[in-house]
Amino acid sequence: MKSIARRFNKINYKNSGISTSICFAMTIIGQNFSRQTIARGFNKLVDKNDYAKKDKKEIMAFHERLTKKPEDNQKQTQPFVLKVYSAKVDNLVVHQNQSL
């Protein structure tokens, strides 16, 4: 948990203008965190106003896929659609309804 919190705080500090939800996603990309670690970190670090409660299950599923290495994600057959507005943060560019 400390490594997630440490990374999150660093990213959040450098990108203070973006939501904590985006910062959390940037924190876990490709890090192979477990479902439980992601859930604990999300609940502790992400502001409750940054997401709709009804979407939390879908957001958690997205984070589980995001934390896996790219080669692990290629094994899955169904595309995953991210429902967020366009945002550009450092080298991360996310577009609305982009299939992963």
C-alpha atoms as a PDB file:
ATOM      1  CA  MET A   1       0.000   0.000   0.000  1.00  0.00           C
ATOM      2  CA  LYS A   2       2.825   2.385   0.808  1.00  0.00           C
ATOM      3  CA  SER A   3       4.255   2.133  -2.689  1.00  0.00           C
ATOM      4  CA  ILE A   4       0.880   3.008  -4.220  1.00  0.00           C
ATOM      5  CA  ALA A   5       0.393   5.919  -1.819  1.00  0.00           C
ATOM      6  CA  ARG A   6       3.930   7.188  -2.416  1.00  0.00           C
ATOM      7  CA  ARG A   7       3.571   7.005  -6.205  1.00  0.00           C
ATOM      8  CA  PHE A   8       0.084   8.499  -6.094  1.00  0.00           C
ATOM      9  CA  ASN A   9       1.196  11.453  -3.955  1.00  0.00           C
ATOM     10  CA  LYS A  10       4.092  12.160  -6.308  1.00  0.00           C
ATOM     11  CA  ILE A  11       1.868  12.058  -9.411  1.00  0.00           C
ATOM     12  CA  ASN A  12      -0.913  14.031  -7.717  1.00  0.00           C
ATOM     13  CA  TYR A  13       1.573  16.725  -6.622  1.00  0.00           C
ATOM     14  CA  LYS A  14       3.025  17.104 -10.120  1.00  0.00           C
ATOM     15  CA  ASN A  15      -0.456  17.164 -11.732  1.00  0.00           C
ATOM     16  CA  SER A  16      -2.524  19.050  -9.169  1.00  0.00           C
ATOM     17  CA  GLY A  17      -5.007  20.209 -11.802  1.00  0.00           C
ATOM     18  CA  ILE A  18      -6.322  16.754 -12.682  1.00  0.00           C
ATOM     19  CA  SER A  19      -8.656  14.465 -10.772  1.00  0.00           C
ATOM     20  CA  THR A  20      -7.443  12.004  -8.169  1.00  0.00           C
ATOM     21  CA  SER A  21      -9.063   9.247 -10.222  1.00  0.00           C
ATOM     22  CA  ILE A  22      -6.779   9.961 -13.202  1.00  0.00           C
ATOM     23  CA  CYS A  23      -3.768  10.230 -10.880  1.00  0.00           C
ATOM     24  CA  PHE A  24      -4.616   6.834  -9.395  1.00  0.00           C
ATOM     25  CA  ALA A  25      -4.899   5.287 -12.857  1.00  0.00           C
ATOM     26  CA  MET A  26      -1.483   6.696 -13.764  1.00  0.00           C
ATOM     27  CA  THR A  27      -0.108   5.278 -10.507  1.00  0.00           C
ATOM     28  CA  ILE A  28      -1.046   1.658 -11.206  1.00  0.00           C
ATOM     29  CA  ILE A  29      -0.366   1.356 -14.951  1.00  0.00           C
ATOM     30  CA  GLY A  30       1.608  -1.826 -15.624  1.00  0.00           C
ATOM     31  CA  GLN A  31       2.484  -2.433 -11.956  1.00  0.00           C
ATOM     32  CA  ASN A  32       0.749  -5.857 -11.514  1.00  0.00           C
ATOM     33  CA  PHE A  33      -1.039  -4.922  -8.292  1.00  0.00           C
ATOM     34  CA  SER A  34      -3.596  -7.391  -6.931  1.00  0.00           C
ATOM     35  CA  ARG A  35      -7.335  -6.706  -6.964  1.00  0.00           C
ATOM     36  CA  GLN A  36      -7.306  -6.230  -3.193  1.00  0.00           C
ATOM     37  CA  THR A  37      -4.389  -3.778  -3.282  1.00  0.00           C
ATOM     38  CA  ILE A  38      -6.069  -1.755  -6.018  1.00  0.00           C
ATOM     39  CA  ALA A  39      -9.369  -1.636  -4.117  1.00  0.00           C
ATOM     40  CA  ARG A  40      -7.717  -0.525  -0.875  1.00  0.00           C
ATOM     41  CA  GLY A  41      -5.655   2.113  -2.639  1.00  0.00           C
ATOM     42  CA  PHE A  42      -8.620   3.389  -4.628  1.00  0.00           C
ATOM     43  CA  ASN A  43     -10.813   3.664  -1.521  1.00  0.00           C
ATOM     44  CA  LYS A  44      -8.081   5.432   0.429  1.00  0.00           C
ATOM     45  CA  LEU A  45      -6.653   7.781  -2.220  1.00  0.00           C
ATOM     46  CA  VAL A  46      -9.371   8.699  -4.725  1.00  0.00           C
ATOM     47  CA  ASP A  47     -11.757  11.521  -3.856  1.00  0.00           C
ATOM     48  CA  LYS A  48     -15.352  10.249  -3.696  1.00  0.00           C
ATOM     49  CA  ASN A  49     -16.472  13.241  -5.800  1.00  0.00           C
ATOM     50  CA  ASP A  50     -14.279  12.128  -8.733  1.00  0.00           C
ATOM     51  CA  TYR A  51     -16.553   9.249  -9.749  1.00  0.00           C
ATOM     52  CA  ALA A  52     -20.183   8.207  -9.600  1.00  0.00           C
ATOM     53  CA  LYS A  53     -20.852   5.516  -7.003  1.00  0.00           C
ATOM     54  CA  LYS A  54     -22.878   3.488  -9.516  1.00  0.00           C
ATOM     55  CA  ASP A  55     -19.808   3.305 -11.824  1.00  0.00           C
ATOM     56  CA  LYS A  56     -17.385   2.043  -9.188  1.00  0.00           C
ATOM     57  CA  LYS A  57     -17.607  -1.623 -10.207  1.00  0.00           C
ATOM     58  CA  GLU A  58     -16.782  -0.759 -13.820  1.00  0.00           C
ATOM     59  CA  ILE A  59     -13.975   1.568 -12.725  1.00  0.00           C
ATOM     60  CA  MET A  60     -12.448  -1.174 -10.553  1.00  0.00           C
ATOM     61  CA  ALA A  61     -12.580  -3.633 -13.477  1.00  0.00           C
ATOM     62  CA  PHE A  62     -10.797  -1.050 -15.624  1.00  0.00           C
ATOM     63  CA  HIS A  63      -8.102  -0.561 -12.982  1.00  0.00           C
ATOM     64  CA  GLU A  64      -7.549  -4.318 -12.769  1.00  0.00           C
ATOM     65  CA  ARG A  65      -6.821  -4.393 -16.496  1.00  0.00           C
ATOM     66  CA  LEU A  66      -4.761  -1.215 -16.333  1.00  0.00           C
ATOM     67  CA  THR A  67      -2.379  -2.610 -13.721  1.00  0.00           C
ATOM     68  CA  LYS A  68      -1.497  -5.630 -15.852  1.00  0.00           C
ATOM     69  CA  LYS A  69       1.449  -5.569 -18.217  1.00  0.00           C
ATOM     70  CA  PRO A  70       0.495  -4.918 -21.887  1.00  0.00           C
ATOM     71  CA  GLU A  71       1.291  -8.490 -22.935  1.00  0.00           C
ATOM     72  CA  ASP A  72      -1.158  -9.809 -20.295  1.00  0.00           C
ATOM     73  CA  ASN A  73      -3.942  -7.588 -21.638  1.00  0.00           C
ATOM     74  CA  GLN A  74      -3.490  -8.933 -25.185  1.00  0.00           C
ATOM     75  CA  LYS A  75      -4.669 -12.361 -24.007  1.00  0.00           C
ATOM     76  CA  GLN A  76      -8.163 -11.024 -23.337  1.00  0.00           C
ATOM     77  CA  THR A  77     -10.533 -11.178 -26.265  1.00  0.00           C
ATOM     78  CA  GLN A  78     -13.167  -8.550 -25.480  1.00  0.00           C
ATOM     79  CA  PRO A  79     -12.266  -4.874 -25.833  1.00  0.00           C
ATOM     80  CA  PHE A  80     -12.770  -2.672 -22.803  1.00  0.00           C
ATOM     81  CA  VAL A  81     -14.264   0.771 -23.344  1.00  0.00           C
ATOM     82  CA  LEU A  82     -13.086   3.612 -21.131  1.00  0.00           C
ATOM     83  CA  LYS A  83     -15.793   6.214 -20.550  1.00  0.00           C
ATOM     84  CA  VAL A  84     -13.990   9.457 -19.711  1.00  0.00           C
ATOM     85  CA  TYR A  85     -13.527  12.809 -21.339  1.00  0.00           C
ATOM     86  CA  SER A  86     -10.367  13.513 -23.321  1.00  0.00           C
ATOM     87  CA  ALA A  87      -7.401  14.276 -21.100  1.00  0.00           C
ATOM     88  CA  LYS A  88      -3.694  14.679 -21.766  1.00  0.00           C
ATOM     89  CA  VAL A  89      -1.329  14.162 -18.864  1.00  0.00           C
ATOM     90  CA  ASP A  90       2.404  13.990 -19.575  1.00  0.00           C
ATOM     91  CA  ASN A  91       2.645  11.036 -22.000  1.00  0.00           C
ATOM     92  CA  LEU A  92      -0.789   9.591 -21.204  1.00  0.00           C
ATOM     93  CA  VAL A  93      -3.557  10.474 -23.648  1.00  0.00           C
ATOM     94  CA  VAL A  94      -7.041   9.092 -23.091  1.00  0.00           C
ATOM     95  CA  HIS A  95      -9.957   9.718 -25.431  1.00  0.00           C
ATOM     96  CA  GLN A  96     -13.638   9.188 -24.759  1.00  0.00           C
ATOM     97  CA  ASN A  97     -14.832   5.663 -25.597  1.00  0.00           C
ATOM     98  CA  GLN A  98     -11.389   4.431 -26.579  1.00  0.00           C
ATOM     99  CA  SER A  99     -11.154   0.646 -26.780  1.00  0.00           C
ATOM    100  CA  LEU A 100      -8.222  -0.817 -24.930  1.00  0.00           C
END
